[in-house]
Amino acid sequence: MKAITRQVVIPADRQLHISVPEDVPPGPAEVVLVIAPAAPEERGMTAGDLLHSPLCGIWKDRTDLGDSLEFARSLRAKAMLYSRCSAICSSATPR
């Protein structure tokens, strides 16, 4: 007995067309369709997840950053500015 596995996406018309390797002889065969459950949608971190993650407080003991809270605020502000600039620049590309 030979087993061949193919990963497919079932289309809206629910019809599959299967090609088998050349070394498979013509004749009777059994085809088994295994429907895997949909993968759960990944969600982002919530504020609570972040608060209890190892990321919370990673800069608190750094002496080279000055005020770690101010440093974090500054990084967030720069990220927001970069995000806004990126959105504006990408929408202003010439056509």
C-alpha atoms as a PDB file:
ATOM      1  CA  MET A   1       0.000   0.000   0.000  1.00  0.00           C
ATOM      2  CA  LYS A   2       1.255   3.485  -0.841  1.00  0.00           C
ATOM      3  CA  ALA A   3       0.051   6.691   0.850  1.00  0.00           C
ATOM      4  CA  ILE A   4       0.253  10.060  -0.885  1.00  0.00           C
ATOM      5  CA  THR A   5      -0.516  13.274   0.971  1.00  0.00           C
ATOM      6  CA  ARG A   6      -1.459  16.513  -0.756  1.00  0.00           C
ATOM      7  CA  GLN A   7      -2.280  19.817   0.950  1.00  0.00           C
ATOM      8  CA  VAL A   8      -5.160  21.530  -0.846  1.00  0.00           C
ATOM      9  CA  VAL A   9      -7.530  24.428  -0.370  1.00  0.00           C
ATOM     10  CA  ILE A  10     -11.139  23.539  -1.013  1.00  0.00           C
ATOM     11  CA  PRO A  11     -12.547  26.095  -3.478  1.00  0.00           C
ATOM     12  CA  ALA A  12     -16.014  27.638  -3.336  1.00  0.00           C
ATOM     13  CA  ASP A  13     -17.360  25.115  -5.873  1.00  0.00           C
ATOM     14  CA  ARG A  14     -16.176  22.342  -3.532  1.00  0.00           C
ATOM     15  CA  GLN A  15     -14.536  20.392  -6.368  1.00  0.00           C
ATOM     16  CA  LEU A  16     -11.020  19.003  -6.154  1.00  0.00           C
ATOM     17  CA  HIS A  17      -8.880  17.800  -9.043  1.00  0.00           C
ATOM     18  CA  ILE A  18      -6.108  15.494  -7.906  1.00  0.00           C
ATOM     19  CA  SER A  19      -2.969  14.639  -9.870  1.00  0.00           C
ATOM     20  CA  VAL A  20      -0.963  11.617  -8.764  1.00  0.00           C
ATOM     21  CA  PRO A  21       2.683  10.776  -9.501  1.00  0.00           C
ATOM     22  CA  GLU A  22       3.565   8.883 -12.685  1.00  0.00           C
ATOM     23  CA  ASP A  23       4.588   5.769 -10.747  1.00  0.00           C
ATOM     24  CA  VAL A  24       1.023   5.218  -9.481  1.00  0.00           C
ATOM     25  CA  PRO A  25      -0.555   2.486 -11.620  1.00  0.00           C
ATOM     26  CA  PRO A  26      -4.039   2.967 -13.050  1.00  0.00           C
ATOM     27  CA  GLY A  27      -6.742   1.065 -11.178  1.00  0.00           C
ATOM     28  CA  PRO A  28      -8.807   1.166  -8.031  1.00  0.00           C
ATOM     29  CA  ALA A  29      -7.701   3.439  -5.203  1.00  0.00           C
ATOM     30  CA  GLU A  30      -9.194   4.771  -2.013  1.00  0.00           C
ATOM     31  CA  VAL A  31      -9.176   8.541  -1.510  1.00  0.00           C
ATOM     32  CA  VAL A  32      -9.580   9.855   2.034  1.00  0.00           C
ATOM     33  CA  LEU A  33     -10.286  13.543   2.606  1.00  0.00           C
ATOM     34  CA  VAL A  34      -9.277  14.776   6.067  1.00  0.00           C
ATOM     35  CA  ILE A  35     -10.732  18.143   6.994  1.00  0.00           C
ATOM     36  CA  ALA A  36      -8.514  19.875   9.545  1.00  0.00           C
ATOM     37  CA  PRO A  37     -10.162  22.350  11.887  1.00  0.00           C
ATOM     38  CA  ALA A  38      -9.474  25.956  11.023  1.00  0.00           C
ATOM     39  CA  ALA A  39      -6.535  27.372  12.916  1.00  0.00           C
ATOM     40  CA  PRO A  40      -7.651  29.759  15.636  1.00  0.00           C
ATOM     41  CA  GLU A  41      -7.182  33.370  14.673  1.00  0.00           C
ATOM     42  CA  GLU A  42      -4.147  34.858  16.333  1.00  0.00           C
ATOM     43  CA  ARG A  43      -4.968  37.808  18.503  1.00  0.00           C
ATOM     44  CA  GLY A  44      -2.627  40.537  19.583  1.00  0.00           C
ATOM     45  CA  MET A  45      -1.569  41.090  23.134  1.00  0.00           C
ATOM     46  CA  THR A  46      -4.001  42.798  25.443  1.00  0.00           C
ATOM     47  CA  ALA A  47      -2.835  45.389  27.964  1.00  0.00           C
ATOM     48  CA  GLY A  48      -3.133  42.709  30.659  1.00  0.00           C
ATOM     49  CA  ASP A  49      -1.040  40.260  28.605  1.00  0.00           C
ATOM     50  CA  LEU A  50       1.618  42.921  28.147  1.00  0.00           C
ATOM     51  CA  LEU A  51       1.551  43.861  31.821  1.00  0.00           C
ATOM     52  CA  HIS A  52       2.240  40.249  32.824  1.00  0.00           C
ATOM     53  CA  SER A  53       4.798  39.608  30.087  1.00  0.00           C
ATOM     54  CA  PRO A  54       8.582  39.689  30.515  1.00  0.00           C
ATOM     55  CA  LEU A  55       8.579  42.912  28.461  1.00  0.00           C
ATOM     56  CA  CYS A  56       7.051  44.921  31.276  1.00  0.00           C
ATOM     57  CA  GLY A  57       9.841  46.701  33.126  1.00  0.00           C
ATOM     58  CA  ILE A  58      12.747  45.561  30.943  1.00  0.00           C
ATOM     59  CA  TRP A  59      14.383  48.992  31.167  1.00  0.00           C
ATOM     60  CA  LYS A  60      13.754  49.737  34.846  1.00  0.00           C
ATOM     61  CA  ASP A  61      17.284  48.843  35.960  1.00  0.00           C
ATOM     62  CA  ARG A  62      19.135  50.384  33.024  1.00  0.00           C
ATOM     63  CA  THR A  63      21.364  53.251  34.094  1.00  0.00           C
ATOM     64  CA  ASP A  64      22.297  54.376  30.575  1.00  0.00           C
ATOM     65  CA  LEU A  65      18.746  55.461  29.651  1.00  0.00           C
ATOM     66  CA  GLY A  66      18.039  58.042  32.315  1.00  0.00           C
ATOM     67  CA  ASP A  67      14.334  57.939  33.158  1.00  0.00           C
ATOM     68  CA  SER A  68      13.122  54.594  31.723  1.00  0.00           C
ATOM     69  CA  LEU A  69       9.473  55.756  31.672  1.00  0.00           C
ATOM     70  CA  GLU A  70      10.411  58.854  29.664  1.00  0.00           C
ATOM     71  CA  PHE A  71      12.559  56.720  27.353  1.00  0.00           C
ATOM     72  CA  ALA A  72       9.604  54.387  26.678  1.00  0.00           C
ATOM     73  CA  ARG A  73       7.294  57.373  26.043  1.00  0.00           C
ATOM     74  CA  SER A  74       9.824  58.812  23.609  1.00  0.00           C
ATOM     75  CA  LEU A  75      10.053  55.509  21.709  1.00  0.00           C
ATOM     76  CA  ARG A  76       6.254  55.292  21.466  1.00  0.00           C
ATOM     77  CA  ALA A  77       6.053  58.875  20.179  1.00  0.00           C
ATOM     78  CA  LYS A  78       8.713  58.172  17.544  1.00  0.00           C
ATOM     79  CA  ALA A  79       6.901  54.997  16.478  1.00  0.00           C
ATOM     80  CA  MET A  80       3.612  56.892  16.111  1.00  0.00           C
ATOM     81  CA  LEU A  81       5.316  59.624  14.074  1.00  0.00           C
ATOM     82  CA  TYR A  82       7.010  57.033  11.849  1.00  0.00           C
ATOM     83  CA  SER A  83       3.704  55.213  11.367  1.00  0.00           C
ATOM     84  CA  ARG A  84       1.933  58.429  10.334  1.00  0.00           C
ATOM     85  CA  CYS A  85       4.772  59.426   7.994  1.00  0.00           C
ATOM     86  CA  SER A  86       4.751  55.996   6.376  1.00  0.00           C
ATOM     87  CA  ALA A  87       1.005  56.185   5.777  1.00  0.00           C
ATOM     88  CA  ILE A  88       1.248  59.674   4.281  1.00  0.00           C
ATOM     89  CA  CYS A  89       4.272  58.838   2.111  1.00  0.00           C
ATOM     90  CA  SER A  90       2.774  55.610   0.776  1.00  0.00           C
ATOM     91  CA  SER A  91      -0.485  57.338  -0.169  1.00  0.00           C
ATOM     92  CA  ALA A  92       1.365  60.194  -1.897  1.00  0.00           C
ATOM     93  CA  THR A  93       3.231  58.059  -4.438  1.00  0.00           C
ATOM     94  CA  PRO A  94       2.923  59.419  -8.002  1.00  0.00           C
ATOM     95  CA  ARG A  95       0.714  57.537 -10.411  1.00  0.00           C
END
